[in-house]
Amino acid sequence: MTQDERWSIRYNEVLTFIETNRRNPSKYAPEERNMYNYIKHTRKQMNQGLLKPERMKEFEKLMALMEQYKRKNQYQ
């Protein structure tokens, strides 16, 4: 499995989670921590200019979706 395939799998996992639960992954829930760390790491790469251009477009879409559910309580 290539790095691009792993990135795509994690991207789709996070996207599906946000669309299904209508909230962002929590850093406190153990089962969601990997998704949270993926977002944090990818955002850091984007800010440093290390993210590939094709990944940049996809991640910006994910960031827009995350902004929509920013500060949503999981119990709402």
PDB file of N, CA and C in Angstrom:
ATOM      1  N   MET A   1       0.857  -1.172   0.000  1.00  0.00           N
ATOM      2  CA  MET A   1       0.000   0.000   0.000  1.00  0.00           C
ATOM      3  C   MET A   1       0.901   1.232   0.000  1.00  0.00           C
ATOM      4  N   THR A   2       0.601   2.141  -0.908  1.00  0.00           N
ATOM      5  CA  THR A   2       1.409   3.350  -1.012  1.00  0.00           C
ATOM      6  C   THR A   2       0.945   4.397  -0.002  1.00  0.00           C
ATOM      7  N   GLN A   3       1.764   5.407   0.157  1.00  0.00           N
ATOM      8  CA  GLN A   3       1.439   6.485   1.085  1.00  0.00           C
ATOM      9  C   GLN A   3       0.185   7.232   0.613  1.00  0.00           C
ATOM     10  N   ASP A   4       0.035   7.405  -0.705  1.00  0.00           N
ATOM     11  CA  ASP A   4      -1.155   8.078  -1.237  1.00  0.00           C
ATOM     12  C   ASP A   4      -2.419   7.290  -0.933  1.00  0.00           C
ATOM     13  N   GLU A   5      -2.339   5.966  -1.015  1.00  0.00           N
ATOM     14  CA  GLU A   5      -3.508   5.138  -0.716  1.00  0.00           C
ATOM     15  C   GLU A   5      -3.882   5.234   0.759  1.00  0.00           C
ATOM     16  N   ARG A   6      -2.873   5.202   1.636  1.00  0.00           N
ATOM     17  CA  ARG A   6      -3.143   5.327   3.068  1.00  0.00           C
ATOM     18  C   ARG A   6      -3.747   6.683   3.395  1.00  0.00           C
ATOM     19  N   TRP A   7      -3.235   7.743   2.740  1.00  0.00           N
ATOM     20  CA  TRP A   7      -3.766   9.083   2.975  1.00  0.00           C
ATOM     21  C   TRP A   7      -5.229   9.152   2.536  1.00  0.00           C
ATOM     22  N   SER A   8      -5.534   8.561   1.381  1.00  0.00           N
ATOM     23  CA  SER A   8      -6.906   8.575   0.867  1.00  0.00           C
ATOM     24  C   SER A   8      -7.849   7.789   1.780  1.00  0.00           C
ATOM     25  N   ILE A   9      -7.383   6.659   2.282  1.00  0.00           N
ATOM     26  CA  ILE A   9      -8.215   5.855   3.181  1.00  0.00           C
ATOM     27  C   ILE A   9      -8.534   6.648   4.442  1.00  0.00           C
ATOM     28  N   ARG A  10      -7.531   7.276   5.031  1.00  0.00           N
ATOM     29  CA  ARG A  10      -7.748   8.058   6.262  1.00  0.00           C
ATOM     30  C   ARG A  10      -8.642   9.260   5.972  1.00  0.00           C
ATOM     31  N   TYR A  11      -8.424   9.910   4.837  1.00  0.00           N
ATOM     32  CA  TYR A  11      -9.260  11.055   4.440  1.00  0.00           C
ATOM     33  C   TYR A  11     -10.726  10.630   4.352  1.00  0.00           C
ATOM     34  N   ASN A  12     -10.982   9.528   3.656  1.00  0.00           N
ATOM     35  CA  ASN A  12     -12.357   9.049   3.503  1.00  0.00           C
ATOM     36  C   ASN A  12     -12.960   8.627   4.839  1.00  0.00           C
ATOM     37  N   GLU A  13     -12.143   8.071   5.713  1.00  0.00           N
ATOM     38  CA  GLU A  13     -12.622   7.679   7.040  1.00  0.00           C
ATOM     39  C   GLU A  13     -13.073   8.903   7.831  1.00  0.00           C
ATOM     40  N   VAL A  14     -12.276   9.955   7.804  1.00  0.00           N
ATOM     41  CA  VAL A  14     -12.620  11.184   8.527  1.00  0.00           C
ATOM     42  C   VAL A  14     -13.850  11.848   7.906  1.00  0.00           C
ATOM     43  N   LEU A  15     -13.887  11.885   6.579  1.00  0.00           N
ATOM     44  CA  LEU A  15     -15.026  12.492   5.890  1.00  0.00           C
ATOM     45  C   LEU A  15     -16.324  11.766   6.231  1.00  0.00           C
ATOM     46  N   THR A  16     -16.295  10.455   6.201  1.00  0.00           N
ATOM     47  CA  THR A  16     -17.478   9.657   6.532  1.00  0.00           C
ATOM     48  C   THR A  16     -17.894   9.873   7.979  1.00  0.00           C
ATOM     49  N   PHE A  17     -16.923   9.935   8.881  1.00  0.00           N
ATOM     50  CA  PHE A  17     -17.226  10.158  10.295  1.00  0.00           C
ATOM     51  C   PHE A  17     -17.941  11.489  10.498  1.00  0.00           C
ATOM     52  N   ILE A  18     -17.418  12.539   9.888  1.00  0.00           N
ATOM     53  CA  ILE A  18     -18.013  13.869  10.067  1.00  0.00           C
ATOM     54  C   ILE A  18     -19.417  13.925   9.468  1.00  0.00           C
ATOM     55  N   GLU A  19     -19.599  13.346   8.292  1.00  0.00           N
ATOM     56  CA  GLU A  19     -20.920  13.358   7.663  1.00  0.00           C
ATOM     57  C   GLU A  19     -21.924  12.523   8.445  1.00  0.00           C
ATOM     58  N   THR A  20     -21.485  11.420   9.009  1.00  0.00           N
ATOM     59  CA  THR A  20     -22.384  10.537   9.750  1.00  0.00           C
ATOM     60  C   THR A  20     -22.769  11.110  11.108  1.00  0.00           C
ATOM     61  N   ASN A  21     -21.779  11.575  11.862  1.00  0.00           N
ATOM     62  CA  ASN A  21     -22.009  12.035  13.227  1.00  0.00           C
ATOM     63  C   ASN A  21     -22.292  13.522  13.342  1.00  0.00           C
ATOM     64  N   ARG A  22     -22.110  14.245  12.270  1.00  0.00           N
ATOM     65  CA  ARG A  22     -22.332  15.679  12.225  1.00  0.00           C
ATOM     66  C   ARG A  22     -21.563  16.418  13.317  1.00  0.00           C
ATOM     67  N   ARG A  23     -20.318  16.005  13.508  1.00  0.00           N
ATOM     68  CA  ARG A  23     -19.404  16.663  14.431  1.00  0.00           C
ATOM     69  C   ARG A  23     -17.986  16.254  14.068  1.00  0.00           C
ATOM     70  N   ASN A  24     -17.017  16.965  14.596  1.00  0.00           N
ATOM     71  CA  ASN A  24     -15.616  16.659  14.337  1.00  0.00           C
ATOM     72  C   ASN A  24     -15.126  15.591  15.312  1.00  0.00           C
ATOM     73  N   PRO A  25     -14.092  14.861  14.941  1.00  0.00           N
ATOM     74  CA  PRO A  25     -13.534  13.860  15.864  1.00  0.00           C
ATOM     75  C   PRO A  25     -13.004  14.518  17.131  1.00  0.00           C
ATOM     76  N   SER A  26     -13.156  13.823  18.240  1.00  0.00           N
ATOM     77  CA  SER A  26     -12.721  14.339  19.529  1.00  0.00           C
ATOM     78  C   SER A  26     -11.334  13.820  19.874  1.00  0.00           C
ATOM     79  N   LYS A  27     -10.535  14.657  20.509  1.00  0.00           N
ATOM     80  CA  LYS A  27      -9.223  14.203  20.945  1.00  0.00           C
ATOM     81  C   LYS A  27      -9.319  13.407  22.243  1.00  0.00           C
ATOM     82  N   TYR A  28     -10.467  13.401  22.884  1.00  0.00           N
ATOM     83  CA  TYR A  28     -10.641  12.708  24.152  1.00  0.00           C
ATOM     84  C   TYR A  28     -11.151  11.284  23.997  1.00  0.00           C
ATOM     85  N   ALA A  29     -11.853  10.989  22.913  1.00  0.00           N
ATOM     86  CA  ALA A  29     -12.372   9.635  22.695  1.00  0.00           C
ATOM     87  C   ALA A  29     -11.277   8.776  22.057  1.00  0.00           C
ATOM     88  N   PRO A  30     -10.906   7.674  22.688  1.00  0.00           N
ATOM     89  CA  PRO A  30      -9.801   6.849  22.158  1.00  0.00           C
ATOM     90  C   PRO A  30     -10.032   6.352  20.734  1.00  0.00           C
ATOM     91  N   GLU A  31     -11.269   6.028  20.388  1.00  0.00           N
ATOM     92  CA  GLU A  31     -11.548   5.507  19.047  1.00  0.00           C
ATOM     93  C   GLU A  31     -11.525   6.597  17.972  1.00  0.00           C
ATOM     94  N   GLU A  32     -11.554   7.855  18.379  1.00  0.00           N
ATOM     95  CA  GLU A  32     -11.535   8.969  17.427  1.00  0.00           C
ATOM     96  C   GLU A  32     -10.182   9.678  17.392  1.00  0.00           C
ATOM     97  N   ARG A  33      -9.282   9.309  18.279  1.00  0.00           N
ATOM     98  CA  ARG A  33      -8.017  10.028  18.414  1.00  0.00           C
ATOM     99  C   ARG A  33      -7.153   9.947  17.156  1.00  0.00           C
ATOM    100  N   ASN A  34      -7.154   8.807  16.445  1.00  0.00           N
ATOM    101  CA  ASN A  34      -6.363   8.694  15.219  1.00  0.00           C
ATOM    102  C   ASN A  34      -6.858   9.670  14.153  1.00  0.00           C
ATOM    103  N   MET A  35      -8.173   9.822  14.048  1.00  0.00           N
ATOM    104  CA  MET A  35      -8.721  10.769  13.077  1.00  0.00           C
ATOM    105  C   MET A  35      -8.356  12.201  13.456  1.00  0.00           C
ATOM    106  N   TYR A  36      -8.430  12.499  14.742  1.00  0.00           N
ATOM    107  CA  TYR A  36      -8.075  13.833  15.223  1.00  0.00           C
ATOM    108  C   TYR A  36      -6.611  14.136  14.916  1.00  0.00           C
ATOM    109  N   ASN A  37      -5.735  13.162  15.177  1.00  0.00           N
ATOM    110  CA  ASN A  37      -4.310  13.358  14.920  1.00  0.00           C
ATOM    111  C   ASN A  37      -4.021  13.498  13.425  1.00  0.00           C
ATOM    112  N   TYR A  38      -4.762  12.773  12.588  1.00  0.00           N
ATOM    113  CA  TYR A  38      -4.611  12.905  11.136  1.00  0.00           C
ATOM    114  C   TYR A  38      -4.918  14.343  10.706  1.00  0.00           C
ATOM    115  N   ILE A  39      -6.010  14.885  11.216  1.00  0.00           N
ATOM    116  CA  ILE A  39      -6.402  16.251  10.867  1.00  0.00           C
ATOM    117  C   ILE A  39      -5.345  17.245  11.343  1.00  0.00           C
ATOM    118  N   LYS A  40      -4.889  17.062  12.581  1.00  0.00           N
ATOM    119  CA  LYS A  40      -3.903  17.967  13.152  1.00  0.00           C
ATOM    120  C   LYS A  40      -2.584  17.923  12.368  1.00  0.00           C
ATOM    121  N   HIS A  41      -2.138  16.733  12.021  1.00  0.00           N
ATOM    122  CA  HIS A  41      -0.886  16.579  11.283  1.00  0.00           C
ATOM    123  C   HIS A  41      -0.995  17.151   9.870  1.00  0.00           C
ATOM    124  N   THR A  42      -2.091  16.872   9.196  1.00  0.00           N
ATOM    125  CA  THR A  42      -2.277  17.357   7.829  1.00  0.00           C
ATOM    126  C   THR A  42      -2.405  18.878   7.803  1.00  0.00           C
ATOM    127  N   ARG A  43      -3.079  19.441   8.796  1.00  0.00           N
ATOM    128  CA  ARG A  43      -3.195  20.901   8.885  1.00  0.00           C
ATOM    129  C   ARG A  43      -1.813  21.531   9.089  1.00  0.00           C
ATOM    130  N   LYS A  44      -0.988  20.887   9.913  1.00  0.00           N
ATOM    131  CA  LYS A  44       0.364  21.388  10.149  1.00  0.00           C
ATOM    132  C   LYS A  44       1.188  21.342   8.860  1.00  0.00           C
ATOM    133  N   GLN A  45       1.054  20.244   8.087  1.00  0.00           N
ATOM    134  CA  GLN A  45       1.756  20.147   6.807  1.00  0.00           C
ATOM    135  C   GLN A  45       1.289  21.236   5.847  1.00  0.00           C
ATOM    136  N   MET A  46      -0.016  21.484   5.823  1.00  0.00           N
ATOM    137  CA  MET A  46      -0.576  22.492   4.934  1.00  0.00           C
ATOM    138  C   MET A  46      -0.020  23.874   5.285  1.00  0.00           C
ATOM    139  N   ASN A  47       0.039  24.197   6.571  1.00  0.00           N
ATOM    140  CA  ASN A  47       0.526  25.504   7.001  1.00  0.00           C
ATOM    141  C   ASN A  47       2.008  25.688   6.711  1.00  0.00           C
ATOM    142  N   GLN A  48       2.762  24.598   6.703  1.00  0.00           N
ATOM    143  CA  GLN A  48       4.190  24.671   6.410  1.00  0.00           C
ATOM    144  C   GLN A  48       4.485  24.615   4.920  1.00  0.00           C
ATOM    145  N   GLY A  49       3.451  24.355   4.094  1.00  0.00           N
ATOM    146  CA  GLY A  49       3.637  24.286   2.657  1.00  0.00           C
ATOM    147  C   GLY A  49       4.187  22.953   2.179  1.00  0.00           C
ATOM    148  N   LEU A  50       4.061  21.908   2.981  1.00  0.00           N
ATOM    149  CA  LEU A  50       4.595  20.594   2.633  1.00  0.00           C
ATOM    150  C   LEU A  50       3.548  19.656   2.031  1.00  0.00           C
ATOM    151  N   LEU A  51       2.304  20.076   1.999  1.00  0.00           N
ATOM    152  CA  LEU A  51       1.223  19.228   1.493  1.00  0.00           C
ATOM    153  C   LEU A  51       1.178  19.282  -0.034  1.00  0.00           C
ATOM    154  N   LYS A  52       1.012  18.115  -0.649  1.00  0.00           N
ATOM    155  CA  LYS A  52       0.958  18.046  -2.114  1.00  0.00           C
ATOM    156  C   LYS A  52      -0.263  18.811  -2.619  1.00  0.00           C
ATOM    157  N   PRO A  53      -0.159  19.431  -3.802  1.00  0.00           N
ATOM    158  CA  PRO A  53      -1.279  20.248  -4.323  1.00  0.00           C
ATOM    159  C   PRO A  53      -2.585  19.475  -4.485  1.00  0.00           C
ATOM    160  N   GLU A  54      -2.523  18.217  -4.937  1.00  0.00           N
ATOM    161  CA  GLU A  54      -3.768  17.452  -5.114  1.00  0.00           C
ATOM    162  C   GLU A  54      -4.402  17.115  -3.758  1.00  0.00           C
ATOM    163  N   ARG A  55      -3.587  16.916  -2.754  1.00  0.00           N
ATOM    164  CA  ARG A  55      -4.119  16.675  -1.407  1.00  0.00           C
ATOM    165  C   ARG A  55      -4.651  17.966  -0.798  1.00  0.00           C
ATOM    166  N   MET A  56      -4.047  19.070  -1.166  1.00  0.00           N
ATOM    167  CA  MET A  56      -4.450  20.372  -0.636  1.00  0.00           C
ATOM    168  C   MET A  56      -5.913  20.661  -0.972  1.00  0.00           C
ATOM    169  N   LYS A  57      -6.306  20.399  -2.214  1.00  0.00           N
ATOM    170  CA  LYS A  57      -7.692  20.661  -2.637  1.00  0.00           C
ATOM    171  C   LYS A  57      -8.670  19.815  -1.841  1.00  0.00           C
ATOM    172  N   GLU A  58      -8.354  18.518  -1.690  1.00  0.00           N
ATOM    173  CA  GLU A  58      -9.249  17.634  -0.944  1.00  0.00           C
ATOM    174  C   GLU A  58      -9.330  18.040   0.518  1.00  0.00           C
ATOM    175  N   PHE A  59      -8.183  18.373   1.107  1.00  0.00           N
ATOM    176  CA  PHE A  59      -8.172  18.727   2.523  1.00  0.00           C
ATOM    177  C   PHE A  59      -8.900  20.043   2.774  1.00  0.00           C
ATOM    178  N   GLU A  60      -8.844  20.967   1.823  1.00  0.00           N
ATOM    179  CA  GLU A  60      -9.590  22.226   1.988  1.00  0.00           C
ATOM    180  C   GLU A  60     -11.097  21.969   2.017  1.00  0.00           C
ATOM    181  N   LYS A  61     -11.564  21.003   1.239  1.00  0.00           N
ATOM    182  CA  LYS A  61     -12.982  20.623   1.288  1.00  0.00           C
ATOM    183  C   LYS A  61     -13.332  20.066   2.662  1.00  0.00           C
ATOM    184  N   LEU A  62     -12.437  19.238   3.193  1.00  0.00           N
ATOM    185  CA  LEU A  62     -12.651  18.668   4.523  1.00  0.00           C
ATOM    186  C   LEU A  62     -12.648  19.762   5.584  1.00  0.00           C
ATOM    187  N   MET A  63     -11.755  20.723   5.450  1.00  0.00           N
ATOM    188  CA  MET A  63     -11.691  21.829   6.406  1.00  0.00           C
ATOM    189  C   MET A  63     -12.978  22.658   6.381  1.00  0.00           C
ATOM    190  N   ALA A  64     -13.547  22.852   5.195  1.00  0.00           N
ATOM    191  CA  ALA A  64     -14.803  23.594   5.087  1.00  0.00           C
ATOM    192  C   ALA A  64     -15.924  22.837   5.796  1.00  0.00           C
ATOM    193  N   LEU A  65     -15.950  21.522   5.638  1.00  0.00           N
ATOM    194  CA  LEU A  65     -16.959  20.703   6.309  1.00  0.00           C
ATOM    195  C   LEU A  65     -16.751  20.744   7.821  1.00  0.00           C
ATOM    196  N   MET A  66     -15.504  20.707   8.254  1.00  0.00           N
ATOM    197  CA  MET A  66     -15.210  20.773   9.683  1.00  0.00           C
ATOM    198  C   MET A  66     -15.621  22.116  10.273  1.00  0.00           C
ATOM    199  N   GLU A  67     -15.441  23.167   9.507  1.00  0.00           N
ATOM    200  CA  GLU A  67     -15.821  24.499   9.973  1.00  0.00           C
ATOM    201  C   GLU A  67     -17.331  24.588  10.205  1.00  0.00           C
ATOM    202  N   GLN A  68     -18.077  23.869   9.387  1.00  0.00           N
ATOM    203  CA  GLN A  68     -19.532  23.847   9.508  1.00  0.00           C
ATOM    204  C   GLN A  68     -19.958  23.235  10.848  1.00  0.00           C
ATOM    205  N   TYR A  69     -19.211  22.223  11.316  1.00  0.00           N
ATOM    206  CA  TYR A  69     -19.549  21.539  12.565  1.00  0.00           C
ATOM    207  C   TYR A  69     -18.622  21.926  13.711  1.00  0.00           C
ATOM    208  N   LYS A  70     -18.013  23.083  13.617  1.00  0.00           N
ATOM    209  CA  LYS A  70     -17.098  23.535  14.650  1.00  0.00           C
ATOM    210  C   LYS A  70     -17.850  23.766  15.959  1.00  0.00           C
ATOM    211  N   ARG A  71     -17.257  23.278  17.026  1.00  0.00           N
ATOM    212  CA  ARG A  71     -17.821  23.429  18.387  1.00  0.00           C
ATOM    213  C   ARG A  71     -19.209  22.820  18.537  1.00  0.00           C
ATOM    214  N   LYS A  72     -19.462  21.729  17.866  1.00  0.00           N
ATOM    215  CA  LYS A  72     -20.731  21.030  18.055  1.00  0.00           C
ATOM    216  C   LYS A  72     -20.569  20.006  19.145  1.00  0.00           C
ATOM    217  N   ASN A  73     -21.469  19.991  20.073  1.00  0.00           N
ATOM    218  CA  ASN A  73     -21.457  19.024  21.151  1.00  0.00           C
ATOM    219  C   ASN A  73     -21.958  17.692  20.619  1.00  0.00           C
ATOM    220  N   GLN A  74     -21.350  16.608  21.034  1.00  0.00           N
ATOM    221  CA  GLN A  74     -21.752  15.300  20.532  1.00  0.00           C
ATOM    222  C   GLN A  74     -23.140  14.880  21.015  1.00  0.00           C
ATOM    223  N   TYR A  75     -23.669  15.540  22.022  1.00  0.00           N
ATOM    224  CA  TYR A  75     -24.962  15.167  22.562  1.00  0.00           C
ATOM    225  C   TYR A  75     -26.112  16.001  22.020  1.00  0.00           C
ATOM    226  N   GLN A  76     -25.845  16.863  21.043  1.00  0.00           N
ATOM    227  CA  GLN A  76     -26.919  17.685  20.488  1.00  0.00           C
ATOM    228  C   GLN A  76     -27.676  16.925  19.437  1.00  0.00           C
TER     229      GLN A  76
END
